[in-house]
């Protein structure tokens, strides 16, 4: 028995309580898999690319989608005439966008005012 400093046990001495544990060695831990060994077993099933192949998932998704659409349609109420009259259309009106010429003219006037203010006291 290794680690017993040369003692050897024969016959019934092997069955003594302290000696029995010496002979019962723990099995070595299984070797750890390397990253390459782990990646070797990963295929399209792992990522879920073949979930549609069995034909079970598609009907379940269609049923759930139909139920959710029906729920949203049941909760939706069409707007009444009172609600549409209360809407403020001032925010939805189209704003007037200045043209390039208007912007150029405004910039020239601004520069002209700045120069006049600077040189005319």
N, C-alpha and C. Protein backbone atom coordinates (compact mmCIF):
# COMPACT_ATOMS: atom_id res chain seq x y z
N UNK A 1 0.86 -1.17 0.00
CA UNK A 1 0.00 0.00 0.00
C UNK A 1 0.90 1.23 0.00
N UNK A 2 0.76 2.12 -0.97
CA UNK A 2 1.61 3.30 -1.00
C UNK A 2 1.29 4.24 0.16
N UNK A 3 2.29 4.87 0.66
CA UNK A 3 2.11 5.83 1.73
C UNK A 3 2.10 5.21 3.11
N UNK A 4 2.41 3.93 3.25
CA UNK A 4 2.38 3.29 4.56
C UNK A 4 3.78 3.11 5.12
N UNK A 5 4.76 3.72 4.58
CA UNK A 5 6.14 3.68 5.03
C UNK A 5 6.66 2.24 5.17
N UNK A 6 6.35 1.42 4.16
CA UNK A 6 6.92 0.08 4.14
C UNK A 6 6.10 -0.98 4.85
N UNK A 7 5.02 -0.67 5.51
CA UNK A 7 4.21 -1.70 6.17
C UNK A 7 3.46 -2.49 5.12
N UNK A 8 3.38 -3.79 5.32
CA UNK A 8 2.64 -4.66 4.42
C UNK A 8 1.63 -5.42 5.23
N UNK A 9 0.41 -5.54 4.69
CA UNK A 9 -0.67 -6.21 5.40
C UNK A 9 -1.06 -7.46 4.62
N UNK A 10 -1.19 -8.55 5.33
CA UNK A 10 -1.53 -9.82 4.71
C UNK A 10 -2.73 -10.41 5.40
N UNK A 11 -3.51 -11.20 4.68
CA UNK A 11 -4.59 -11.99 5.26
C UNK A 11 -5.63 -11.15 5.96
N UNK A 12 -5.93 -11.55 7.24
CA UNK A 12 -6.99 -10.91 8.01
C UNK A 12 -6.61 -9.50 8.45
N UNK A 13 -5.33 -9.15 8.40
CA UNK A 13 -4.90 -7.80 8.79
C UNK A 13 -5.44 -6.75 7.83
N UNK A 14 -5.74 -7.19 6.60
CA UNK A 14 -6.29 -6.24 5.62
C UNK A 14 -7.70 -5.80 6.00
N UNK A 15 -8.40 -6.60 6.82
CA UNK A 15 -9.77 -6.29 7.19
C UNK A 15 -9.87 -5.42 8.44
N UNK A 16 -8.77 -5.05 9.04
CA UNK A 16 -8.82 -4.18 10.21
C UNK A 16 -9.39 -2.82 9.80
N UNK A 17 -10.09 -2.11 10.74
CA UNK A 17 -10.78 -0.88 10.36
C UNK A 17 -9.88 0.19 9.75
N UNK A 18 -8.75 0.47 10.30
CA UNK A 18 -7.89 1.53 9.76
C UNK A 18 -7.21 1.13 8.48
N UNK A 19 -6.96 -0.18 8.33
CA UNK A 19 -6.24 -0.67 7.15
C UNK A 19 -7.17 -0.74 5.95
N UNK A 20 -8.42 -1.06 6.19
CA UNK A 20 -9.39 -1.19 5.11
C UNK A 20 -9.48 0.12 4.32
N UNK A 21 -9.47 1.26 5.02
CA UNK A 21 -9.54 2.56 4.34
C UNK A 21 -8.30 2.83 3.51
N UNK A 22 -7.17 2.29 3.91
CA UNK A 22 -5.95 2.49 3.13
C UNK A 22 -6.07 1.83 1.75
N UNK A 23 -6.74 0.68 1.71
CA UNK A 23 -6.86 -0.03 0.44
C UNK A 23 -7.97 0.55 -0.44
N UNK A 24 -8.93 1.20 0.17
CA UNK A 24 -10.01 1.79 -0.61
C UNK A 24 -9.59 3.19 -1.07
N UNK A 25 -9.06 3.25 -2.23
CA UNK A 25 -8.62 4.55 -2.76
C UNK A 25 -9.79 5.20 -3.52
N UNK A 26 -9.81 6.49 -3.45
CA UNK A 26 -10.84 7.21 -4.21
C UNK A 26 -10.49 7.15 -5.68
N UNK A 27 -11.50 6.95 -6.50
CA UNK A 27 -11.20 6.94 -7.94
C UNK A 27 -10.76 8.35 -8.37
N UNK A 28 -9.86 8.43 -9.30
CA UNK A 28 -9.41 9.76 -9.74
C UNK A 28 -10.57 10.51 -10.41
N UNK A 29 -10.60 11.80 -10.25
CA UNK A 29 -11.69 12.57 -10.87
C UNK A 29 -11.61 12.45 -12.39
N UNK A 30 -12.77 12.47 -13.05
CA UNK A 30 -12.74 12.36 -14.52
C UNK A 30 -12.00 13.56 -15.11
N UNK A 31 -11.27 13.34 -16.16
CA UNK A 31 -10.51 14.46 -16.74
C UNK A 31 -11.46 15.52 -17.28
N UNK A 32 -11.08 16.77 -17.12
CA UNK A 32 -11.90 17.87 -17.62
C UNK A 32 -11.81 17.94 -19.13
N UNK A 33 -12.94 18.26 -19.74
CA UNK A 33 -12.95 18.38 -21.20
C UNK A 33 -12.37 19.73 -21.59
N UNK A 34 -11.65 19.73 -22.66
CA UNK A 34 -11.10 20.98 -23.16
C UNK A 34 -12.19 21.72 -23.94
N UNK A 35 -11.93 22.97 -24.23
CA UNK A 35 -12.91 23.78 -24.97
C UNK A 35 -13.17 23.17 -26.35
N UNK A 36 -12.14 22.63 -26.97
CA UNK A 36 -12.31 22.03 -28.30
C UNK A 36 -13.21 20.81 -28.22
N UNK A 37 -13.05 19.99 -27.17
CA UNK A 37 -13.90 18.81 -27.02
C UNK A 37 -15.35 19.20 -26.77
N UNK A 38 -15.56 20.27 -26.02
CA UNK A 38 -16.93 20.74 -25.77
C UNK A 38 -17.56 21.27 -27.06
N UNK A 39 -16.80 22.02 -27.84
CA UNK A 39 -17.33 22.63 -29.06
C UNK A 39 -17.58 21.57 -30.14
N UNK A 40 -16.90 20.43 -30.05
CA UNK A 40 -17.06 19.38 -31.05
C UNK A 40 -18.49 18.83 -31.04
N UNK A 41 -19.13 18.80 -29.89
CA UNK A 41 -20.47 18.23 -29.77
C UNK A 41 -21.58 19.23 -30.07
N UNK A 42 -21.25 20.48 -30.30
CA UNK A 42 -22.27 21.51 -30.56
C UNK A 42 -22.57 21.55 -32.05
N UNK A 43 -23.85 21.45 -32.39
CA UNK A 43 -24.25 21.53 -33.78
C UNK A 43 -25.47 22.45 -33.91
N UNK A 44 -26.17 22.38 -35.02
CA UNK A 44 -27.30 23.29 -35.27
C UNK A 44 -28.44 23.07 -34.27
N UNK A 45 -28.60 21.86 -33.77
CA UNK A 45 -29.65 21.61 -32.77
C UNK A 45 -29.43 22.42 -31.51
N UNK A 46 -28.18 22.59 -31.13
CA UNK A 46 -27.85 23.33 -29.91
C UNK A 46 -28.37 24.77 -30.01
N UNK A 47 -28.24 25.37 -31.18
CA UNK A 47 -28.65 26.76 -31.37
C UNK A 47 -30.13 26.88 -31.75
N UNK A 48 -30.83 25.77 -31.93
CA UNK A 48 -32.25 25.80 -32.21
C UNK A 48 -32.60 26.03 -33.67
N UNK A 49 -31.68 25.75 -34.58
CA UNK A 49 -31.96 25.97 -35.99
C UNK A 49 -32.88 24.91 -36.57
N UNK A 50 -32.98 23.75 -35.96
CA UNK A 50 -33.80 22.68 -36.50
C UNK A 50 -35.09 22.49 -35.70
N UNK A 51 -35.52 23.49 -34.98
CA UNK A 51 -36.74 23.37 -34.19
C UNK A 51 -37.98 23.23 -35.07
N UNK A 52 -37.95 23.79 -36.27
CA UNK A 52 -39.12 23.77 -37.14
C UNK A 52 -39.24 22.47 -37.92
N UNK A 53 -38.20 21.64 -37.92
CA UNK A 53 -38.20 20.43 -38.74
C UNK A 53 -39.23 19.40 -38.30
N UNK A 54 -39.56 19.35 -37.02
CA UNK A 54 -40.46 18.31 -36.55
C UNK A 54 -41.93 18.65 -36.79
N UNK A 55 -42.26 19.90 -37.13
CA UNK A 55 -43.63 20.28 -37.44
C UNK A 55 -44.51 20.51 -36.23
N UNK A 56 -43.95 20.53 -35.06
CA UNK A 56 -44.74 20.75 -33.84
C UNK A 56 -44.78 22.23 -33.48
N UNK A 57 -43.68 22.91 -33.68
CA UNK A 57 -43.55 24.28 -33.22
C UNK A 57 -44.43 25.26 -34.01
N UNK A 58 -44.51 25.07 -35.32
CA UNK A 58 -45.24 26.02 -36.17
C UNK A 58 -46.73 26.11 -35.82
N UNK A 59 -47.46 24.99 -35.65
CA UNK A 59 -48.87 25.12 -35.25
C UNK A 59 -49.04 25.77 -33.88
N UNK A 60 -48.14 25.49 -32.95
CA UNK A 60 -48.23 26.12 -31.63
C UNK A 60 -48.04 27.63 -31.73
N UNK A 61 -47.08 28.06 -32.55
CA UNK A 61 -46.84 29.49 -32.73
C UNK A 61 -48.04 30.16 -33.39
N UNK A 62 -48.64 29.50 -34.38
CA UNK A 62 -49.80 30.08 -35.06
C UNK A 62 -50.97 30.22 -34.10
N UNK A 63 -51.17 29.22 -33.26
CA UNK A 63 -52.27 29.27 -32.29
C UNK A 63 -52.06 30.42 -31.31
N UNK A 64 -50.84 30.53 -30.78
CA UNK A 64 -50.53 31.60 -29.82
C UNK A 64 -50.67 32.97 -30.48
N UNK A 65 -50.18 33.09 -31.72
CA UNK A 65 -50.28 34.36 -32.43
C UNK A 65 -51.74 34.75 -32.64
N UNK A 66 -52.57 33.79 -33.03
CA UNK A 66 -53.99 34.06 -33.25
C UNK A 66 -54.66 34.51 -31.94
N UNK A 67 -54.31 33.85 -30.83
CA UNK A 67 -54.90 34.23 -29.54
C UNK A 67 -54.50 35.65 -29.15
N UNK A 68 -53.23 36.01 -29.35
CA UNK A 68 -52.77 37.35 -28.98
C UNK A 68 -53.42 38.41 -29.86
N UNK A 69 -53.55 38.14 -31.15
CA UNK A 69 -54.21 39.09 -32.05
C UNK A 69 -55.66 39.28 -31.64
N UNK A 70 -56.32 38.19 -31.30
CA UNK A 70 -57.73 38.26 -30.89
C UNK A 70 -57.86 39.06 -29.60
N UNK A 71 -56.92 38.88 -28.67
CA UNK A 71 -56.96 39.62 -27.40
C UNK A 71 -56.81 41.12 -27.65
N UNK A 72 -55.88 41.50 -28.53
CA UNK A 72 -55.68 42.92 -28.84
C UNK A 72 -56.91 43.49 -29.52
N UNK A 73 -57.50 42.73 -30.44
CA UNK A 73 -58.70 43.21 -31.12
C UNK A 73 -59.86 43.37 -30.15
N UNK A 74 -59.98 42.48 -29.18
CA UNK A 74 -61.05 42.59 -28.19
C UNK A 74 -60.87 43.80 -27.29
N UNK A 75 -59.62 44.14 -26.97
CA UNK A 75 -59.35 45.27 -26.08
C UNK A 75 -59.46 46.62 -26.80
N UNK A 76 -59.31 46.63 -28.12
CA UNK A 76 -59.32 47.88 -28.88
C UNK A 76 -60.74 48.38 -29.04
N UNK A 77 -60.92 49.68 -28.83
CA UNK A 77 -62.22 50.30 -29.06
C UNK A 77 -62.04 51.40 -30.09
N UNK A 78 -62.94 51.47 -31.07
CA UNK A 78 -62.79 52.53 -32.09
C UNK A 78 -63.05 53.90 -31.46
N UNK A 79 -62.37 54.93 -31.95
CA UNK A 79 -62.58 56.27 -31.39
C UNK A 79 -64.00 56.77 -31.70
N UNK A 80 -64.57 57.43 -30.73
CA UNK A 80 -65.92 57.99 -30.92
C UNK A 80 -65.81 59.35 -31.57
N UNK A 81 -66.95 59.92 -31.98
CA UNK A 81 -66.95 61.23 -32.62
C UNK A 81 -66.49 62.32 -31.65
N UNK A 82 -66.82 62.17 -30.38
CA UNK A 82 -66.42 63.16 -29.38
C UNK A 82 -64.90 63.22 -29.26
N UNK A 83 -64.26 62.06 -29.26
CA UNK A 83 -62.80 62.03 -29.14
C UNK A 83 -62.14 62.66 -30.35
N UNK A 84 -62.67 62.41 -31.54
CA UNK A 84 -62.06 62.97 -32.73
C UNK A 84 -62.26 64.48 -32.80
N UNK A 85 -63.38 65.00 -32.25
CA UNK A 85 -63.60 66.44 -32.24
C UNK A 85 -62.68 67.14 -31.25
N UNK A 86 -62.34 66.45 -30.17
CA UNK A 86 -61.51 67.05 -29.13
C UNK A 86 -60.05 67.17 -29.55
N UNK A 87 -59.66 66.49 -30.60
CA UNK A 87 -58.26 66.52 -31.00
C UNK A 87 -57.85 67.93 -31.42
N UNK A 88 -56.70 68.33 -30.97
CA UNK A 88 -56.17 69.65 -31.30
C UNK A 88 -55.35 69.52 -32.58
N UNK A 89 -55.78 70.19 -33.62
CA UNK A 89 -55.09 70.08 -34.90
C UNK A 89 -54.00 71.12 -35.08
N UNK A 90 -53.80 71.98 -34.09
CA UNK A 90 -52.78 73.02 -34.24
C UNK A 90 -51.38 72.42 -34.29
N UNK A 91 -51.16 71.30 -33.60
CA UNK A 91 -49.84 70.68 -33.62
C UNK A 91 -49.61 69.87 -34.89
N UNK A 92 -50.67 69.46 -35.53
CA UNK A 92 -50.53 68.61 -36.70
C UNK A 92 -50.48 69.38 -38.01
N UNK A 93 -50.69 70.71 -37.94
CA UNK A 93 -50.61 71.50 -39.16
C UNK A 93 -49.17 71.54 -39.65
N UNK A 94 -49.03 71.63 -40.95
CA UNK A 94 -47.70 71.68 -41.55
C UNK A 94 -47.10 73.06 -41.33
N UNK A 95 -45.89 73.07 -40.83
CA UNK A 95 -45.19 74.33 -40.60
C UNK A 95 -44.59 74.81 -41.92
N UNK A 96 -44.48 76.13 -42.05
CA UNK A 96 -43.90 76.70 -43.26
C UNK A 96 -42.38 76.61 -43.17
N UNK A 97 -41.77 76.00 -44.17
CA UNK A 97 -40.32 75.81 -44.19
C UNK A 97 -39.74 76.89 -45.10
N UNK A 98 -38.77 77.67 -44.59
CA UNK A 98 -38.19 78.72 -45.42
C UNK A 98 -37.32 78.13 -46.53
N UNK A 99 -37.29 78.85 -47.67
CA UNK A 99 -36.49 78.37 -48.80
C UNK A 99 -35.03 78.80 -48.59
N UNK A 100 -34.17 78.32 -49.47
CA UNK A 100 -32.74 78.66 -49.40
C UNK A 100 -32.55 80.17 -49.57
N UNK A 101 -33.33 80.78 -50.46
CA UNK A 101 -33.19 82.23 -50.69
C UNK A 101 -33.58 83.01 -49.44
N UNK A 102 -34.64 82.59 -48.75
CA UNK A 102 -35.06 83.27 -47.53
C UNK A 102 -33.98 83.17 -46.46
N UNK A 103 -33.37 82.01 -46.33
CA UNK A 103 -32.31 81.82 -45.34
C UNK A 103 -31.11 82.68 -45.69
N UNK A 104 -30.73 82.71 -46.97
CA UNK A 104 -29.59 83.51 -47.41
C UNK A 104 -29.85 85.00 -47.15
N UNK A 105 -31.07 85.46 -47.45
CA UNK A 105 -31.43 86.86 -47.23
C UNK A 105 -31.38 87.21 -45.74
N UNK A 106 -31.88 86.30 -44.88
CA UNK A 106 -31.88 86.55 -43.44
C UNK A 106 -30.45 86.60 -42.90
N UNK A 107 -29.57 85.75 -43.40
CA UNK A 107 -28.17 85.77 -42.95
C UNK A 107 -27.48 87.07 -43.36
N UNK A 108 -27.75 87.53 -44.58
CA UNK A 108 -27.15 88.79 -45.04
C UNK A 108 -27.63 89.96 -44.18
N UNK A 109 -28.92 89.99 -43.86
CA UNK A 109 -29.44 91.07 -43.02
C UNK A 109 -28.82 91.04 -41.63
N UNK A 110 -28.62 89.83 -41.10
CA UNK A 110 -28.03 89.70 -39.76
C UNK A 110 -26.58 90.21 -39.77
N UNK A 111 -25.81 89.83 -40.81
CA UNK A 111 -24.42 90.29 -40.91
C UNK A 111 -24.37 91.81 -41.09
N UNK A 112 -25.30 92.33 -41.89
CA UNK A 112 -25.34 93.78 -42.13
C UNK A 112 -25.61 94.52 -40.83
N UNK A 113 -26.57 94.02 -40.01
CA UNK A 113 -26.86 94.66 -38.72
C UNK A 113 -25.65 94.60 -37.79
N UNK A 114 -24.95 93.47 -37.78
CA UNK A 114 -23.78 93.33 -36.90
C UNK A 114 -22.69 94.32 -37.31
N UNK A 115 -22.46 94.46 -38.61
CA UNK A 115 -21.43 95.40 -39.07
C UNK A 115 -21.83 96.84 -38.77
N UNK A 116 -23.11 97.17 -38.95
CA UNK A 116 -23.56 98.53 -38.64
C UNK A 116 -23.42 98.81 -37.15
N UNK A 117 -23.78 97.83 -36.31
CA UNK A 117 -23.65 98.02 -34.87
C UNK A 117 -22.19 98.17 -34.47
N UNK A 118 -21.30 97.47 -35.16
CA UNK A 118 -19.89 97.50 -34.81
C UNK A 118 -19.25 98.83 -35.20
N UNK A 119 -19.55 99.36 -36.41
CA UNK A 119 -18.86 100.55 -36.89
C UNK A 119 -19.64 101.84 -36.67
N UNK A 120 -20.93 101.76 -36.50
CA UNK A 120 -21.71 102.96 -36.24
C UNK A 120 -22.04 102.98 -34.76
N UNK A 121 -21.60 104.01 -34.12
CA UNK A 121 -21.80 104.10 -32.67
C UNK A 121 -23.12 104.63 -32.37
